[in-house]
Amino acid sequence: MEFIATLFKVTLPNYLQRLPIPTSLMGITNMTGQDLLQLLPVVGTLSLLAYVTYQAFKPKPAPKDTKVNLRIQKESSKVVNMVDIEELGDKVSYCRCWRSKKFPICDGSHNKHNEETGDNVGPLVLKRKEPLSMPK
């Protein structure tokens, strides 16, 4: 512990006092090669600290996969599916994650998508309150 105290209280202040720090921008042009070499460790350390701090706090890039529809009817300018309400039956589940191999019907692909991405998407489920009765 005494070594660290000596380093910060004596050695480092003495080292910094002896550094040939120019008083102006033009003073840099008057520095010798020896002076510049003495500044190299300090400039390198400060640059490394600035870089590490920047890397820690820089904004994260947006994910490359920002599109919702990755493969369904990509040749169309807009995907539209129409279903006659009479054909629905008692219950039907429609895909909302765009991963279903039976799109627009849900095949459960959202479970894998949710596991991989942490998302919580699920199907749109349409059901009748009462089953269709057969006409008499």
Protein backbone atom coordinates (compact mmCIF):
# COMPACT_ATOMS: atom_id res chain seq x y z
CA MET A 1 0.00 0.00 0.00
CA GLU A 2 2.91 2.31 0.72
CA PHE A 3 4.12 1.83 -2.87
CA ILE A 4 0.79 3.12 -4.25
CA ALA A 5 0.77 6.07 -1.86
CA THR A 6 4.31 7.01 -2.90
CA LEU A 7 3.43 6.62 -6.56
CA PHE A 8 0.46 9.01 -6.35
CA LYS A 9 1.86 11.48 -3.81
CA VAL A 10 5.49 11.76 -4.92
CA THR A 11 6.46 10.04 -8.16
CA LEU A 12 3.53 11.04 -10.37
CA PRO A 13 3.49 14.75 -9.33
CA ASN A 14 7.27 14.98 -9.84
CA TYR A 15 6.95 13.33 -13.27
CA LEU A 16 4.14 15.67 -14.33
CA GLN A 17 6.08 18.72 -13.10
CA ARG A 18 9.07 17.83 -15.26
CA LEU A 19 6.99 17.39 -18.43
CA PRO A 20 7.69 19.98 -21.13
CA ILE A 21 4.09 21.12 -21.63
CA PRO A 22 3.88 23.96 -24.17
CA THR A 23 2.03 27.11 -23.14
CA SER A 24 0.53 27.71 -26.59
CA LEU A 25 -0.18 25.87 -29.82
CA MET A 26 2.79 27.55 -31.43
CA GLY A 27 4.92 26.31 -28.54
CA ILE A 28 4.56 22.78 -29.92
CA THR A 29 6.60 23.79 -32.97
CA ASN A 30 9.49 24.85 -30.71
CA MET A 31 9.64 21.47 -28.91
CA THR A 32 12.53 19.12 -29.54
CA GLY A 33 12.19 15.43 -30.34
CA GLN A 34 13.25 14.64 -26.77
CA ASP A 35 10.41 16.83 -25.41
CA LEU A 36 7.86 15.11 -27.66
CA LEU A 37 9.06 11.66 -26.52
CA GLN A 38 8.60 12.71 -22.88
CA LEU A 39 4.98 13.67 -23.62
CA LEU A 40 4.24 10.42 -25.48
CA PRO A 41 3.31 8.25 -22.41
CA VAL A 42 0.95 10.90 -21.01
CA VAL A 43 -0.73 11.57 -24.36
CA GLY A 44 -1.02 7.82 -25.00
CA THR A 45 -2.57 7.16 -21.58
CA LEU A 46 -5.06 10.01 -21.92
CA SER A 47 -5.97 8.87 -25.44
CA LEU A 48 -6.54 5.31 -24.21
CA LEU A 49 -8.74 6.53 -21.36
CA ALA A 50 -10.78 8.69 -23.76
CA TYR A 51 -11.19 5.76 -26.17
CA VAL A 52 -12.29 3.31 -23.45
CA THR A 53 -14.75 5.86 -22.06
CA TYR A 54 -16.18 6.52 -25.52
CA GLN A 55 -16.56 2.78 -26.22
CA ALA A 56 -18.38 2.29 -22.92
CA PHE A 57 -20.91 5.07 -23.54
CA LYS A 58 -21.28 5.23 -27.33
CA PRO A 59 -24.80 4.61 -28.67
CA LYS A 60 -25.51 1.07 -29.76
CA PRO A 61 -26.12 0.70 -33.51
CA ALA A 62 -29.64 -0.16 -34.62
CA PRO A 63 -30.12 -3.82 -35.41
CA LYS A 64 -29.66 -4.65 -39.08
CA ASP A 65 -32.82 -6.74 -39.10
CA THR A 66 -35.33 -3.94 -38.59
CA LYS A 67 -37.86 -5.15 -41.13
CA VAL A 68 -40.81 -7.12 -39.81
CA ASN A 69 -41.51 -9.11 -42.96
CA LEU A 70 -38.34 -10.97 -43.89
CA ARG A 71 -39.66 -13.38 -46.53
CA ILE A 72 -43.45 -13.36 -47.06
CA GLN A 73 -44.53 -12.25 -50.57
CA LYS A 74 -41.52 -9.94 -50.98
CA GLU A 75 -42.36 -9.43 -54.66
CA SER A 76 -45.56 -7.56 -53.65
CA SER A 77 -45.49 -3.88 -52.76
CA LYS A 78 -47.93 -4.60 -49.91
CA VAL A 79 -49.04 -7.92 -48.41
CA VAL A 80 -52.81 -8.13 -48.10
CA ASN A 81 -54.74 -11.29 -47.24
CA MET A 82 -58.53 -11.40 -47.36
CA VAL A 83 -60.66 -14.12 -45.79
CA ASP A 84 -64.40 -14.52 -46.10
CA ILE A 85 -65.75 -14.41 -42.55
CA GLU A 86 -68.10 -17.30 -43.33
CA GLU A 87 -65.07 -19.54 -43.96
CA LEU A 88 -63.51 -18.96 -40.56
CA GLY A 89 -65.17 -21.80 -38.67
CA ASP A 90 -65.28 -21.67 -34.87
CA LYS A 91 -61.71 -20.46 -34.28
CA VAL A 92 -58.70 -19.40 -36.37
CA SER A 93 -55.24 -18.02 -35.44
CA TYR A 94 -53.54 -15.49 -37.72
CA CYS A 95 -49.78 -14.84 -37.69
CA ARG A 96 -48.53 -11.48 -36.44
CA CYS A 97 -44.80 -12.22 -36.31
CA TRP A 98 -44.39 -12.75 -40.09
CA ARG A 99 -42.40 -15.96 -39.47
CA SER A 100 -45.16 -18.54 -40.16
CA LYS A 101 -44.52 -21.01 -42.96
CA LYS A 102 -48.32 -21.15 -43.48
CA PHE A 103 -48.75 -17.35 -43.50
CA PRO A 104 -51.28 -15.77 -42.87
CA ILE A 105 -52.27 -18.70 -40.62
CA CYS A 106 -50.18 -19.02 -37.43
CA ASP A 107 -48.01 -22.14 -37.17
CA GLY A 108 -46.42 -21.25 -33.79
CA SER A 109 -43.23 -19.74 -35.29
CA HIS A 110 -43.62 -16.81 -32.89
CA ASN A 111 -42.47 -19.07 -30.03
CA LYS A 112 -38.97 -19.45 -31.55
CA HIS A 113 -38.92 -15.75 -32.56
CA ASN A 114 -39.82 -14.70 -29.00
CA GLU A 115 -37.16 -16.97 -27.50
CA GLU A 116 -34.43 -15.64 -29.82
CA THR A 117 -35.31 -11.94 -29.57
CA GLY A 118 -36.99 -11.52 -26.19
CA ASP A 119 -40.11 -10.31 -28.01
CA ASN A 120 -43.63 -11.19 -26.84
CA VAL A 121 -45.60 -11.38 -30.10
CA GLY A 122 -48.40 -13.92 -30.45
CA PRO A 123 -51.15 -14.73 -32.95
CA LEU A 124 -54.39 -12.91 -33.58
CA VAL A 125 -57.05 -15.42 -32.55
CA LEU A 126 -60.57 -15.00 -33.91
CA LYS A 127 -63.33 -17.17 -32.50
CA ARG A 128 -67.08 -17.18 -32.52
CA LYS A 129 -69.00 -16.87 -29.27
CA GLU A 130 -71.32 -19.58 -30.47
CA PRO A 131 -70.44 -22.28 -33.00
CA LEU A 132 -72.16 -22.04 -36.37
CA SER A 133 -75.40 -23.96 -36.36
CA MET A 134 -76.37 -26.03 -39.33
CA PRO A 135 -79.26 -24.59 -41.36
CA LYS A 136 -82.56 -26.48 -40.97
